Amino acid sequence: MRKVDQQKIKSTGISGIKEVGPTSIQVIVGTNVQFVADEITKLRK
């Protein structure tokens, strides 16, 4: 997946990234998932 900077995503401290298709990725957050979900909710408002 060329358009996604996986190294930059990994540098945020996530557990991992899985390519689930030619145009999709899954970001594995781990135990900090609630914190990440809360921040995404704030950004979407």
C-alpha atoms as a PDB file:
ATOM      1  CA  MET A   1       0.000   0.000   0.000  1.00  0.00           C
ATOM      2  CA  ARG A   2       2.013   2.916  -1.324  1.00  0.00           C
ATOM      3  CA  LYS A   3      -0.175   5.842  -0.242  1.00  0.00           C
ATOM      4  CA  VAL A   4      -0.019   4.963   3.453  1.00  0.00           C
ATOM      5  CA  ASP A   5       3.097   5.918   5.410  1.00  0.00           C
ATOM      6  CA  GLN A   6       3.180   2.826   7.604  1.00  0.00           C
ATOM      7  CA  GLN A   7       6.416   3.863   9.327  1.00  0.00           C
ATOM      8  CA  LYS A   8       4.833   7.140  10.412  1.00  0.00           C
ATOM      9  CA  ILE A   9       1.783   5.318  11.742  1.00  0.00           C
ATOM     10  CA  LYS A  10       3.984   2.828  13.613  1.00  0.00           C
ATOM     11  CA  SER A  11       5.972   5.693  15.141  1.00  0.00           C
ATOM     12  CA  THR A  12       2.856   6.725  17.097  1.00  0.00           C
ATOM     13  CA  GLY A  13       3.195   3.644  19.303  1.00  0.00           C
ATOM     14  CA  ILE A  14       0.513   1.421  17.843  1.00  0.00           C
ATOM     15  CA  SER A  15       0.877  -2.346  18.134  1.00  0.00           C
ATOM     16  CA  GLY A  16       0.825  -3.031  14.406  1.00  0.00           C
ATOM     17  CA  ILE A  17      -0.648  -2.628  10.941  1.00  0.00           C
ATOM     18  CA  LYS A  18      -2.213  -5.348   8.831  1.00  0.00           C
ATOM     19  CA  GLU A  19      -2.971  -4.994   5.136  1.00  0.00           C
ATOM     20  CA  VAL A  20      -6.430  -6.507   4.707  1.00  0.00           C
ATOM     21  CA  GLY A  21      -6.847  -5.765   1.030  1.00  0.00           C
ATOM     22  CA  PRO A  22      -5.347  -3.823  -1.850  1.00  0.00           C
ATOM     23  CA  THR A  23      -6.914  -0.577  -0.596  1.00  0.00           C
ATOM     24  CA  SER A  24      -7.470  -1.269   3.115  1.00  0.00           C
ATOM     25  CA  ILE A  25      -5.411  -1.500   6.274  1.00  0.00           C
ATOM     26  CA  GLN A  26      -6.227  -2.402   9.865  1.00  0.00           C
ATOM     27  CA  VAL A  27      -4.436  -0.434  12.572  1.00  0.00           C
ATOM     28  CA  ILE A  28      -3.940  -2.531  15.704  1.00  0.00           C
ATOM     29  CA  VAL A  29      -4.014  -0.227  18.708  1.00  0.00           C
ATOM     30  CA  GLY A  30      -3.931  -2.596  21.679  1.00  0.00           C
ATOM     31  CA  THR A  31      -4.837  -1.634  25.233  1.00  0.00           C
ATOM     32  CA  ASN A  32      -4.899   2.122  24.480  1.00  0.00           C
ATOM     33  CA  VAL A  33      -7.889   1.695  22.191  1.00  0.00           C
ATOM     34  CA  GLN A  34     -10.301   3.717  24.344  1.00  0.00           C
ATOM     35  CA  PHE A  35      -7.922   6.689  24.423  1.00  0.00           C
ATOM     36  CA  VAL A  36      -7.578   6.573  20.640  1.00  0.00           C
ATOM     37  CA  ALA A  37     -11.346   6.258  20.154  1.00  0.00           C
ATOM     38  CA  ASP A  38     -11.927   9.263  22.428  1.00  0.00           C
ATOM     39  CA  GLU A  39      -9.425  11.375  20.478  1.00  0.00           C
ATOM     40  CA  ILE A  40     -10.969  10.405  17.127  1.00  0.00           C
ATOM     41  CA  THR A  41     -14.405  11.343  18.467  1.00  0.00           C
ATOM     42  CA  LYS A  42     -13.062  14.776  19.476  1.00  0.00           C
ATOM     43  CA  LEU A  43     -11.503  15.305  16.038  1.00  0.00           C
ATOM     44  CA  ARG A  44     -14.724  14.411  14.235  1.00  0.00           C
ATOM     45  CA  LYS A  45     -16.741  17.115  16.048  1.00  0.00           C
END
